Structures are given as structure tokens and as C-alpha cells.
Amino acid sequence: MNEWEWQLLEDKKPVSDLRINGVEVKQGSRVRLRPRPGGDIMDIALTGKTAVIEGIEQDYEGKIHVCVVVDDDPGRDIGLMRQPGHRFFFDAEEVEPLPHGDNGGVNQVAVPRILIAGIGNIFLGDDAFGVEVARRLCTREWPPNANVRVTDFGIRGYDLAYALLDGYDTTILIDACPRGEPAGTLYVIEPDLTNLGSDNDDDRVAAVEAHSMNPLNVLRLASSMGPLKKVLLVGCEPETLGPEEGQMELSSTVQAVIDDAVKLVESIVSKILNPNEAGQVTNDFK
């Protein structure tokens, strides 16, 4: 894809739903696959299979593609996490909407999509808090069928901004968060996505500056490109960001609360997957 084609793709608005045979479908809708004759071996293998729509995407020419995850795919969970090899793309006329309540013989339950994003610079002392917590969570075994993706974004602000627009129901940011409390204090904060402040050129620069990532600026950047869903921040009060020459280790104070931070994120995920247990979080972001 050349630069011109990429720009055309960037200018396309996200597609949240479309009508197929007079039926509105969207992410989570159930369909039966009807690939057109003359396709490849995968089309033959998938003909008649039931699937759930994982996303609706538009290419730079404006053509709509329906992305699905097949019900009886052994790697279905990998597809739900948007990993390659277990997500299949079809034209709208190649999928048949299933009647409401028809599970195609499969007991299907909508599972929230959750992104856990570690943020930080490993060369700036306690700024690596989010990176270390994400590293620990990558080895975590989540409940069966839980749709959880854990990624260390480091200081890659643009990558995080685009991930925020990737249809996740909840994004959990993990980052060092100076708020004037004793070092090692943990916070759970829900930013007000309707009041993110200005979105000017300075903010865009700050979102991708070379040595750090400001979550607020990333949220501003992402909100300028599309609507955001629920975002939570798990923060830790840093003790030190290291000397001028850098520091590739956490302070002993912050290192001591890493396990607690991992458990805190796990408890948030548990509450999202079991909403009847959900509590309140702080509704500010400074």
C-alpha cells in the first residue's frame, strides 16, 4: 500500500453497522457464511459455517468487508483477540444474517473486549511501572473465552491511539501517575472522555514525543479520530524517574507494589466480565 492509498484509508470513517438483506448487522451479530462459488479452499471449508461478526471494515476504495470469527474454530479465542489467522473477511453478500436468537447450534454469549495497555519508558526509573505490570499480565491465564489483550506500548503513542479506536469495550491503561501522594500509592481513575481539553498541534506532538507518552494527550489524539469507549487508568505514584543519565530499574518502593498492581488489574477485569460485581472508580484525570 502506497502513501496515497494509506491516506485514503485513514480518511475513511469507522463503519459500525450495515444492512444485509434488510437486516441490520454489527459487531457481535451472528451470521452464516455463504462464500460465492469459485473461491479458494478456505471458502469451501467455511461454507455453511456459523460465525460472529468481529468487525466491519472499509478499504481505501470504500468497499465494505465483514470480519468474522468462526464458531467451531479451535483458535476462536485468538480470533476474538484480533490476532492473524483466525479472523476471516467476506463481502457483505457472502454472509447471511441469522434470525435473532438463532445461535446456529452454539451457545453464544457476548464477551466484552478488553485491552490492557502498559505505558512507560524503561530508561526513566519508575516510569517503567506500566511496562512491568503488563509484562507480568502477559503470562496470566484469563478465564475461558475471556477476550483480553495485554500489550506493552512503551512510548508508542500513535500505536496506542489507534488501538483505542479498535472496538474494545474497555481499555485499561497502566502508567506511573504523579498525584502528590506517597510513592507506591495505586490509583484507579476513569477519565471524563467528554472533557479532554484542547486538541491542538502541541498535543499531537506530545502524544508521540521521543522519550515519554502522556496518556491524556493520547486520548485527545484518539478522540480526534473517532469515538472512544470506556477507559480506565491504573496508576502508581512514582518515587523517582531516575537521574539525568537514566535508570533501568524501578525503585524498591514501586517494585514492592507490582504484585498488588497486577491483582488490581485482574480484579478490574473480573468486574468487567461479571458486571454485577462492579464498583465505582474515581472519575477524574489530572
C-alpha atoms as a PDB file:
ATOM      1  CA  MET A   1       0.000   0.000   0.000  1.00  0.00           C
ATOM      2  CA  ASN A   2       1.484   3.338  -1.026  1.00  0.00           C
ATOM      3  CA  GLU A   3       1.278   6.622   0.926  1.00  0.00           C
ATOM      4  CA  TRP A   4      -1.698   7.874  -1.117  1.00  0.00           C
ATOM      5  CA  GLU A   5      -3.680   4.687  -0.509  1.00  0.00           C
ATOM      6  CA  TRP A   6      -2.816   4.825   3.198  1.00  0.00           C
ATOM      7  CA  GLN A   7      -4.101   8.402   3.439  1.00  0.00           C
ATOM      8  CA  LEU A   8      -7.355   7.386   1.749  1.00  0.00           C
ATOM      9  CA  LEU A   9      -7.743   4.610   4.299  1.00  0.00           C
ATOM     10  CA  GLU A  10      -7.074   6.984   7.185  1.00  0.00           C
ATOM     11  CA  ASP A  11      -9.790   9.346   5.891  1.00  0.00           C
ATOM     12  CA  LYS A  12     -12.463   6.629   5.977  1.00  0.00           C
ATOM     13  CA  LYS A  13     -14.952   6.870   8.826  1.00  0.00           C
ATOM     14  CA  PRO A  14     -15.386   3.762  11.008  1.00  0.00           C
ATOM     15  CA  VAL A  15     -18.352   1.592   9.988  1.00  0.00           C
ATOM     16  CA  SER A  16     -20.383   0.457  12.984  1.00  0.00           C
ATOM     17  CA  ASP A  17     -23.213  -1.357  11.172  1.00  0.00           C
ATOM     18  CA  LEU A  18     -24.707  -2.166   7.779  1.00  0.00           C
ATOM     19  CA  ARG A  19     -27.819  -3.777   6.337  1.00  0.00           C
ATOM     20  CA  ILE A  20     -27.687  -7.188   4.698  1.00  0.00           C
ATOM     21  CA  ASN A  21     -30.884  -8.478   3.102  1.00  0.00           C
ATOM     22  CA  GLY A  22     -32.804  -5.838   5.034  1.00  0.00           C
ATOM     23  CA  VAL A  23     -31.318  -6.909   8.393  1.00  0.00           C
ATOM     24  CA  GLU A  24     -29.060  -4.597  10.395  1.00  0.00           C
ATOM     25  CA  VAL A  25     -25.835  -6.297  11.492  1.00  0.00           C
ATOM     26  CA  LYS A  26     -22.968  -5.020  13.609  1.00  0.00           C
ATOM     27  CA  GLN A  27     -20.166  -6.260  15.824  1.00  0.00           C
ATOM     28  CA  GLY A  28     -21.468  -9.272  17.741  1.00  0.00           C
ATOM     29  CA  SER A  29     -24.188 -10.136  15.207  1.00  0.00           C
ATOM     30  CA  ARG A  30     -24.405 -13.780  14.186  1.00  0.00           C
ATOM     31  CA  VAL A  31     -24.217 -14.884  10.560  1.00  0.00           C
ATOM     32  CA  ARG A  32     -23.925 -17.957   8.356  1.00  0.00           C
ATOM     33  CA  LEU A  33     -21.144 -17.923   5.775  1.00  0.00           C
ATOM     34  CA  ARG A  34     -22.130 -18.210   2.104  1.00  0.00           C
ATOM     35  CA  PRO A  35     -18.924 -17.608   0.079  1.00  0.00           C
ATOM     36  CA  ARG A  36     -19.523 -17.080  -3.629  1.00  0.00           C
ATOM     37  CA  PRO A  37     -18.666 -20.046  -5.900  1.00  0.00           C
ATOM     38  CA  GLY A  38     -15.168 -20.250  -7.329  1.00  0.00           C
ATOM     39  CA  GLY A  39     -13.347 -19.230  -4.150  1.00  0.00           C
ATOM     40  CA  ASP A  40     -10.261 -20.771  -2.608  1.00  0.00           C
ATOM     41  CA  ILE A  41     -10.006 -23.833  -0.372  1.00  0.00           C
ATOM     42  CA  MET A  42     -10.828 -21.790   2.755  1.00  0.00           C
ATOM     43  CA  ASP A  43     -14.079 -20.611   1.180  1.00  0.00           C
ATOM     44  CA  ILE A  44     -15.028 -24.223   0.508  1.00  0.00           C
ATOM     45  CA  ALA A  45     -14.140 -25.230   4.087  1.00  0.00           C
ATOM     46  CA  LEU A  46     -16.099 -22.361   5.647  1.00  0.00           C
ATOM     47  CA  THR A  47     -19.250 -22.610   3.520  1.00  0.00           C
ATOM     48  CA  GLY A  48     -22.286 -23.012   5.775  1.00  0.00           C
ATOM     49  CA  LYS A  49     -20.367 -22.343   8.979  1.00  0.00           C
ATOM     50  CA  THR A  50     -21.860 -20.040  11.614  1.00  0.00           C
ATOM     51  CA  ALA A  51     -19.811 -17.139  12.894  1.00  0.00           C
ATOM     52  CA  VAL A  52     -19.936 -13.919  14.877  1.00  0.00           C
ATOM     53  CA  ILE A  53     -19.074 -10.554  13.325  1.00  0.00           C
ATOM     54  CA  GLU A  54     -15.892  -9.258  14.954  1.00  0.00           C
ATOM     55  CA  GLY A  55     -15.785  -6.033  12.966  1.00  0.00           C
ATOM     56  CA  ILE A  56     -16.907  -4.196   9.839  1.00  0.00           C
ATOM     57  CA  GLU A  57     -14.061  -2.598   7.920  1.00  0.00           C
ATOM     58  CA  GLN A  58     -13.762  -0.353   4.883  1.00  0.00           C
ATOM     59  CA  ASP A  59     -10.811  -0.371   2.482  1.00  0.00           C
ATOM     60  CA  TYR A  60      -9.365   2.695   0.762  1.00  0.00           C
ATOM     61  CA  GLU A  61     -11.683   2.183  -2.232  1.00  0.00           C
ATOM     62  CA  GLY A  62     -14.706   2.327   0.058  1.00  0.00           C
ATOM     63  CA  LYS A  63     -15.521  -1.384  -0.210  1.00  0.00           C
ATOM     64  CA  ILE A  64     -17.045  -2.927   2.921  1.00  0.00           C
ATOM     65  CA  HIS A  65     -15.598  -6.135   4.359  1.00  0.00           C
ATOM     66  CA  VAL A  66     -17.229  -8.166   7.132  1.00  0.00           C
ATOM     67  CA  CYS A  67     -14.688  -9.688   9.526  1.00  0.00           C
ATOM     68  CA  VAL A  68     -15.895 -12.814  11.326  1.00  0.00           C
ATOM     69  CA  VAL A  69     -14.716 -15.367  13.872  1.00  0.00           C
ATOM     70  CA  VAL A  70     -15.997 -18.883  13.186  1.00  0.00           C
ATOM     71  CA  ASP A  71     -17.841 -20.672  15.986  1.00  0.00           C
ATOM     72  CA  ASP A  72     -16.124 -24.069  15.737  1.00  0.00           C
ATOM     73  CA  ASP A  73     -12.628 -22.728  15.081  1.00  0.00           C
ATOM     74  CA  PRO A  74     -10.296 -24.230  17.747  1.00  0.00           C
ATOM     75  CA  GLY A  75      -8.421 -20.913  17.689  1.00  0.00           C
ATOM     76  CA  ARG A  76     -11.580 -18.837  18.093  1.00  0.00           C
ATOM     77  CA  ASP A  77     -10.257 -17.027  21.174  1.00  0.00           C
ATOM     78  CA  ILE A  78      -7.212 -15.940  19.189  1.00  0.00           C
ATOM     79  CA  GLY A  79      -9.514 -14.502  16.526  1.00  0.00           C
ATOM     80  CA  LEU A  80     -11.525 -12.614  19.139  1.00  0.00           C
ATOM     81  CA  MET A  81      -8.244 -11.035  20.260  1.00  0.00           C
ATOM     82  CA  ARG A  82      -7.803  -9.816  16.651  1.00  0.00           C
ATOM     83  CA  GLN A  83      -4.772 -11.963  16.002  1.00  0.00           C
ATOM     84  CA  PRO A  84      -3.979 -13.060  12.414  1.00  0.00           C
ATOM     85  CA  GLY A  85      -5.003 -16.472  11.102  1.00  0.00           C
ATOM     86  CA  HIS A  86      -8.350 -16.805  12.885  1.00  0.00           C
ATOM     87  CA  ARG A  87     -10.242 -13.786  11.523  1.00  0.00           C
ATOM     88  CA  PHE A  88     -11.857 -14.176   8.110  1.00  0.00           C
ATOM     89  CA  PHE A  89     -13.060 -11.451   5.751  1.00  0.00           C
ATOM     90  CA  PHE A  90     -16.097 -11.694   3.487  1.00  0.00           C
ATOM     91  CA  ASP A  91     -18.069  -9.344   1.277  1.00  0.00           C
ATOM     92  CA  ALA A  92     -21.459  -8.333   2.667  1.00  0.00           C
ATOM     93  CA  GLU A  93     -23.262 -10.526   0.114  1.00  0.00           C
ATOM     94  CA  GLU A  94     -21.283 -13.557   1.324  1.00  0.00           C
ATOM     95  CA  VAL A  95     -22.772 -13.583   4.823  1.00  0.00           C
ATOM     96  CA  GLU A  96     -26.351 -14.417   5.789  1.00  0.00           C
ATOM     97  CA  PRO A  97     -27.709 -12.820   8.977  1.00  0.00           C
ATOM     98  CA  LEU A  98     -29.088 -15.372  11.423  1.00  0.00           C
ATOM     99  CA  PRO A  99     -32.517 -14.695  12.928  1.00  0.00           C
ATOM    100  CA  HIS A 100     -32.497 -13.024  16.334  1.00  0.00           C
ATOM    101  CA  GLY A 101     -31.923 -15.678  18.987  1.00  0.00           C
ATOM    102  CA  ASP A 102     -30.579 -18.245  16.496  1.00  0.00           C
ATOM    103  CA  ASN A 103     -27.212 -19.394  17.796  1.00  0.00           C
ATOM    104  CA  GLY A 104     -26.616 -21.786  14.925  1.00  0.00           C
ATOM    105  CA  GLY A 105     -26.454 -24.636  17.416  1.00  0.00           C
ATOM    106  CA  VAL A 106     -23.877 -22.813  19.558  1.00  0.00           C
ATOM    107  CA  ASN A 107     -24.489 -21.312  22.979  1.00  0.00           C
ATOM    108  CA  GLN A 108     -23.088 -17.867  22.234  1.00  0.00           C
ATOM    109  CA  VAL A 109     -22.576 -15.232  24.930  1.00  0.00           C
ATOM    110  CA  ALA A 110     -21.307 -11.761  24.118  1.00  0.00           C
ATOM    111  CA  VAL A 111     -17.928 -11.273  25.808  1.00  0.00           C
ATOM    112  CA  PRO A 112     -16.563  -7.766  26.394  1.00  0.00           C
ATOM    113  CA  ARG A 113     -13.359  -6.984  24.512  1.00  0.00           C
ATOM    114  CA  ILE A 114     -10.726  -5.649  26.902  1.00  0.00           C
ATOM    115  CA  LEU A 115      -7.391  -4.012  26.069  1.00  0.00           C
ATOM    116  CA  ILE A 116      -4.756  -3.777  28.818  1.00  0.00           C
ATOM    117  CA  ALA A 117      -2.095  -1.258  27.790  1.00  0.00           C
ATOM    118  CA  GLY A 118       1.211  -0.908  29.617  1.00  0.00           C
ATOM    119  CA  ILE A 119       2.776   2.560  29.229  1.00  0.00           C
ATOM    120  CA  GLY A 120       6.208   3.836  30.165  1.00  0.00           C
ATOM    121  CA  ASN A 121       9.869   4.357  29.409  1.00  0.00           C
ATOM    122  CA  ILE A 122      12.132   1.629  30.827  1.00  0.00           C
ATOM    123  CA  PHE A 123      15.047   4.107  30.935  1.00  0.00           C
ATOM    124  CA  LEU A 124      13.290   6.502  33.331  1.00  0.00           C
ATOM    125  CA  GLY A 125      13.119   4.646  36.633  1.00  0.00           C
ATOM    126  CA  ASP A 126       9.565   4.290  37.952  1.00  0.00           C
ATOM    127  CA  ASP A 127       8.127   5.408  34.612  1.00  0.00           C
ATOM    128  CA  ALA A 128       8.531   1.720  33.684  1.00  0.00           C
ATOM    129  CA  PHE A 129       5.758   0.779  36.154  1.00  0.00           C
ATOM    130  CA  GLY A 130       3.173   0.146  33.416  1.00  0.00           C
ATOM    131  CA  VAL A 131       5.644  -1.844  31.315  1.00  0.00           C
ATOM    132  CA  GLU A 132       6.491  -4.154  34.223  1.00  0.00           C
ATOM    133  CA  VAL A 133       2.840  -4.726  35.173  1.00  0.00           C
ATOM    134  CA  ALA A 134       1.961  -5.510  31.540  1.00  0.00           C
ATOM    135  CA  ARG A 135       4.889  -7.946  31.371  1.00  0.00           C
ATOM    136  CA  ARG A 136       3.532  -9.826  34.382  1.00  0.00           C
ATOM    137  CA  LEU A 137      -0.016  -9.829  33.000  1.00  0.00           C
ATOM    138  CA  CYS A 138       1.148 -11.285  29.675  1.00  0.00           C
ATOM    139  CA  THR A 139       1.754 -14.595  31.464  1.00  0.00           C
ATOM    140  CA  ARG A 140      -1.659 -14.534  33.140  1.00  0.00           C
ATOM    141  CA  GLU A 141      -4.198 -17.221  32.174  1.00  0.00           C
ATOM    142  CA  TRP A 142      -7.543 -15.456  31.792  1.00  0.00           C
ATOM    143  CA  PRO A 143     -10.925 -17.179  32.237  1.00  0.00           C
ATOM    144  CA  PRO A 144     -12.074 -19.385  29.324  1.00  0.00           C
ATOM    145  CA  ASN A 145     -13.366 -17.313  26.387  1.00  0.00           C
ATOM    146  CA  ALA A 146     -12.290 -14.047  28.068  1.00  0.00           C
ATOM    147  CA  ASN A 147     -11.426 -11.617  25.268  1.00  0.00           C
ATOM    148  CA  VAL A 148      -8.429  -9.869  26.853  1.00  0.00           C
ATOM    149  CA  ARG A 149      -5.411  -8.459  25.025  1.00  0.00           C
ATOM    150  CA  VAL A 150      -2.340  -7.341  27.007  1.00  0.00           C
ATOM    151  CA  THR A 151       0.212  -5.163  25.192  1.00  0.00           C
ATOM    152  CA  ASP A 152       3.296  -3.231  26.277  1.00  0.00           C
ATOM    153  CA  PHE A 153       3.001   0.008  24.288  1.00  0.00           C
ATOM    154  CA  GLY A 154       6.015   1.601  25.947  1.00  0.00           C
ATOM    155  CA  ILE A 155       6.195   5.124  24.488  1.00  0.00           C
ATOM    156  CA  ARG A 156       4.415   4.310  21.198  1.00  0.00           C
ATOM    157  CA  GLY A 157       1.685   6.927  21.433  1.00  0.00           C
ATOM    158  CA  TYR A 158       0.336   6.582  17.902  1.00  0.00           C
ATOM    159  CA  ASP A 159       0.049   2.802  18.215  1.00  0.00           C
ATOM    160  CA  LEU A 160      -1.956   3.200  21.425  1.00  0.00           C
ATOM    161  CA  ALA A 161      -4.192   5.872  19.879  1.00  0.00           C
ATOM    162  CA  TYR A 162      -5.126   3.561  17.006  1.00  0.00           C
ATOM    163  CA  ALA A 163      -5.653   0.644  19.398  1.00  0.00           C
ATOM    164  CA  LEU A 164      -8.125   2.782  21.374  1.00  0.00           C
ATOM    165  CA  LEU A 165     -10.218   3.006  18.196  1.00  0.00           C
ATOM    166  CA  ASP A 166     -10.118  -0.736  17.600  1.00  0.00           C
ATOM    167  CA  GLY A 167     -13.523  -1.511  19.089  1.00  0.00           C
ATOM    168  CA  TYR A 168     -12.528  -2.542  22.616  1.00  0.00           C
ATOM    169  CA  ASP A 169     -15.341  -2.222  25.141  1.00  0.00           C
ATOM    170  CA  THR A 170     -12.892  -1.213  27.881  1.00  0.00           C
ATOM    171  CA  THR A 171      -9.258  -0.120  27.754  1.00  0.00           C
ATOM    172  CA  ILE A 172      -7.185  -0.291  30.943  1.00  0.00           C
ATOM    173  CA  LEU A 173      -4.130   1.983  30.805  1.00  0.00           C
ATOM    174  CA  ILE A 174      -1.321   1.230  33.263  1.00  0.00           C
ATOM    175  CA  ASP A 175       1.154   4.029  33.921  1.00  0.00           C
ATOM    176  CA  ALA A 176       3.157   5.939  36.510  1.00  0.00           C
ATOM    177  CA  CYS A 177       0.886   8.718  37.732  1.00  0.00           C
ATOM    178  CA  PRO A 178       2.262  11.551  39.918  1.00  0.00           C
ATOM    179  CA  ARG A 179      -0.566  12.941  42.085  1.00  0.00           C
ATOM    180  CA  GLY A 180       1.295  14.122  45.175  1.00  0.00           C
ATOM    181  CA  GLU A 181       0.617  11.018  47.287  1.00  0.00           C
ATOM    182  CA  PRO A 182       3.228   8.784  48.953  1.00  0.00           C
ATOM    183  CA  ALA A 183       5.351   6.812  46.481  1.00  0.00           C
ATOM    184  CA  GLY A 184       3.835   3.426  45.650  1.00  0.00           C
ATOM    185  CA  THR A 185       0.206   4.597  46.042  1.00  0.00           C
ATOM    186  CA  LEU A 186      -2.043   2.901  43.488  1.00  0.00           C
ATOM    187  CA  TYR A 187      -4.987   4.614  41.788  1.00  0.00           C
ATOM    188  CA  VAL A 188      -7.897   3.597  39.589  1.00  0.00           C
ATOM    189  CA  ILE A 189      -9.147   6.590  37.624  1.00  0.00           C
ATOM    190  CA  GLU A 190     -11.840   6.899  34.974  1.00  0.00           C
ATOM    191  CA  PRO A 191     -11.134   9.886  32.703  1.00  0.00           C
ATOM    192  CA  ASP A 192     -14.010  12.035  31.506  1.00  0.00           C
ATOM    193  CA  LEU A 193     -13.834  11.353  27.763  1.00  0.00           C
ATOM    194  CA  THR A 194     -16.244  14.206  27.050  1.00  0.00           C
ATOM    195  CA  ASN A 195     -13.880  16.777  28.564  1.00  0.00           C
ATOM    196  CA  LEU A 196     -10.360  16.059  27.390  1.00  0.00           C
ATOM    197  CA  GLY A 197      -9.397  19.672  26.809  1.00  0.00           C
ATOM    198  CA  SER A 198      -7.907  21.130  23.651  1.00  0.00           C
ATOM    199  CA  ASP A 199      -6.692  19.040  20.748  1.00  0.00           C
ATOM    200  CA  ASN A 200      -4.097  21.224  19.084  1.00  0.00           C
ATOM    201  CA  ASP A 201      -0.854  20.549  17.265  1.00  0.00           C
ATOM    202  CA  ASP A 202       1.126  20.678  20.516  1.00  0.00           C
ATOM    203  CA  ASP A 203      -0.966  17.834  21.906  1.00  0.00           C
ATOM    204  CA  ARG A 204      -0.329  15.718  18.810  1.00  0.00           C
ATOM    205  CA  VAL A 205       3.409  16.279  19.164  1.00  0.00           C
ATOM    206  CA  ALA A 206       3.297  15.415  22.856  1.00  0.00           C
ATOM    207  CA  ALA A 207       1.472  12.179  22.098  1.00  0.00           C
ATOM    208  CA  VAL A 208       4.429  10.869  20.132  1.00  0.00           C
ATOM    209  CA  GLU A 209       7.432  12.650  21.654  1.00  0.00           C
ATOM    210  CA  ALA A 210      10.564  10.577  21.719  1.00  0.00           C
ATOM    211  CA  HIS A 211      11.069   9.850  25.417  1.00  0.00           C
ATOM    212  CA  SER A 212       7.662   9.628  27.074  1.00  0.00           C
ATOM    213  CA  MET A 213       3.945   9.177  26.497  1.00  0.00           C
ATOM    214  CA  ASN A 214       1.261  11.340  28.094  1.00  0.00           C
ATOM    215  CA  PRO A 215      -1.970   9.268  28.290  1.00  0.00           C
ATOM    216  CA  LEU A 216      -4.119  12.403  28.282  1.00  0.00           C
ATOM    217  CA  ASN A 217      -2.580  13.557  25.005  1.00  0.00           C
ATOM    218  CA  VAL A 218      -3.036  10.104  23.501  1.00  0.00           C
ATOM    219  CA  LEU A 219      -6.715  10.188  24.490  1.00  0.00           C
ATOM    220  CA  ARG A 220      -7.043  13.614  22.869  1.00  0.00           C
ATOM    221  CA  LEU A 221      -5.422  12.330  19.704  1.00  0.00           C
ATOM    222  CA  ALA A 222      -7.615   9.229  19.586  1.00  0.00           C
ATOM    223  CA  SER A 223     -10.812  11.194  20.283  1.00  0.00           C
ATOM    224  CA  SER A 224      -9.990  13.484  17.353  1.00  0.00           C
ATOM    225  CA  MET A 225     -10.067  10.431  15.062  1.00  0.00           C
ATOM    226  CA  GLY A 226     -13.173   8.681  16.364  1.00  0.00           C
ATOM    227  CA  PRO A 227     -15.407   7.954  19.359  1.00  0.00           C
ATOM    228  CA  LEU A 228     -13.819   6.368  22.424  1.00  0.00           C
ATOM    229  CA  LYS A 229     -15.384   3.754  24.659  1.00  0.00           C
ATOM    230  CA  LYS A 230     -14.718   3.201  28.362  1.00  0.00           C
ATOM    231  CA  VAL A 231     -11.163   3.913  29.523  1.00  0.00           C
ATOM    232  CA  LEU A 232      -9.671   3.312  32.975  1.00  0.00           C
ATOM    233  CA  LEU A 233      -6.236   4.249  34.259  1.00  0.00           C
ATOM    234  CA  VAL A 234      -4.414   2.140  36.841  1.00  0.00           C
ATOM    235  CA  GLY A 235      -1.719   4.497  38.085  1.00  0.00           C
ATOM    236  CA  CYS A 236       1.122   4.365  40.585  1.00  0.00           C
ATOM    237  CA  GLU A 237       2.754   7.273  42.397  1.00  0.00           C
ATOM    238  CA  PRO A 238       6.434   7.170  41.323  1.00  0.00           C
ATOM    239  CA  GLU A 239       9.317   7.664  43.729  1.00  0.00           C
ATOM    240  CA  THR A 240      11.911   8.576  41.119  1.00  0.00           C
ATOM    241  CA  LEU A 241      12.227   8.936  37.363  1.00  0.00           C
ATOM    242  CA  GLY A 242      15.962   8.369  37.686  1.00  0.00           C
ATOM    243  CA  PRO A 243      18.981  10.638  37.266  1.00  0.00           C
ATOM    244  CA  GLU A 244      19.638  12.658  34.126  1.00  0.00           C
ATOM    245  CA  GLU A 245      21.620   9.813  32.570  1.00  0.00           C
ATOM    246  CA  GLY A 246      18.672   7.427  33.043  1.00  0.00           C
ATOM    247  CA  GLN A 247      17.883   4.464  35.270  1.00  0.00           C
ATOM    248  CA  MET A 248      16.855   0.998  34.038  1.00  0.00           C
ATOM    249  CA  GLU A 249      15.177  -0.249  37.197  1.00  0.00           C
ATOM    250  CA  LEU A 250      12.215   0.540  39.381  1.00  0.00           C
ATOM    251  CA  SER A 251      12.697   1.990  42.840  1.00  0.00           C
ATOM    252  CA  SER A 252      12.320  -0.551  45.641  1.00  0.00           C
ATOM    253  CA  THR A 253       9.128   1.241  46.745  1.00  0.00           C
ATOM    254  CA  VAL A 254       7.380   0.848  43.383  1.00  0.00           C
ATOM    255  CA  GLN A 255       8.813  -2.634  42.820  1.00  0.00           C
ATOM    256  CA  ALA A 256       7.167  -3.672  46.085  1.00  0.00           C
ATOM    257  CA  VAL A 257       3.648  -2.837  44.799  1.00  0.00           C
ATOM    258  CA  ILE A 258       3.899  -4.529  41.377  1.00  0.00           C
ATOM    259  CA  ASP A 259       2.148  -7.675  42.615  1.00  0.00           C
ATOM    260  CA  ASP A 260      -0.630  -5.554  44.132  1.00  0.00           C
ATOM    261  CA  ALA A 261      -0.999  -3.693  40.832  1.00  0.00           C
ATOM    262  CA  VAL A 262      -1.293  -6.984  38.926  1.00  0.00           C
ATOM    263  CA  LYS A 263      -4.018  -8.145  41.328  1.00  0.00           C
ATOM    264  CA  LEU A 264      -5.780  -4.785  40.984  1.00  0.00           C
ATOM    265  CA  VAL A 265      -5.914  -5.075  37.179  1.00  0.00           C
ATOM    266  CA  GLU A 266      -7.104  -8.674  37.466  1.00  0.00           C
ATOM    267  CA  SER A 267      -9.904  -7.571  39.799  1.00  0.00           C
ATOM    268  CA  ILE A 268     -10.976  -4.860  37.331  1.00  0.00           C
ATOM    269  CA  VAL A 269     -11.105  -7.409  34.513  1.00  0.00           C
ATOM    270  CA  SER A 270     -13.136  -9.739  36.747  1.00  0.00           C
ATOM    271  CA  LYS A 271     -15.645  -6.950  37.436  1.00  0.00           C
ATOM    272  CA  ILE A 272     -15.953  -6.164  33.731  1.00  0.00           C
ATOM    273  CA  LEU A 273     -16.623  -9.816  32.943  1.00  0.00           C
ATOM    274  CA  ASN A 274     -19.031 -10.037  35.907  1.00  0.00           C
ATOM    275  CA  PRO A 275     -20.795  -6.640  35.896  1.00  0.00           C
ATOM    276  CA  ASN A 276     -22.981  -7.476  38.894  1.00  0.00           C
ATOM    277  CA  GLU A 277     -19.818  -7.231  40.987  1.00  0.00           C
ATOM    278  CA  ALA A 278     -18.699  -3.879  39.531  1.00  0.00           C
ATOM    279  CA  GLY A 279     -17.975  -0.998  41.874  1.00  0.00           C
ATOM    280  CA  GLN A 280     -17.230   2.674  41.452  1.00  0.00           C
ATOM    281  CA  VAL A 281     -13.960   4.241  40.313  1.00  0.00           C
ATOM    282  CA  THR A 282     -12.604   7.730  40.702  1.00  0.00           C
ATOM    283  CA  ASN A 283     -13.962   9.970  37.937  1.00  0.00           C
ATOM    284  CA  ASP A 284     -11.092  12.375  37.396  1.00  0.00           C
ATOM    285  CA  PHE A 285      -7.923  12.590  35.351  1.00  0.00           C
ATOM    286  CA  LYS A 286      -5.303  15.197  36.237  1.00  0.00           C
END
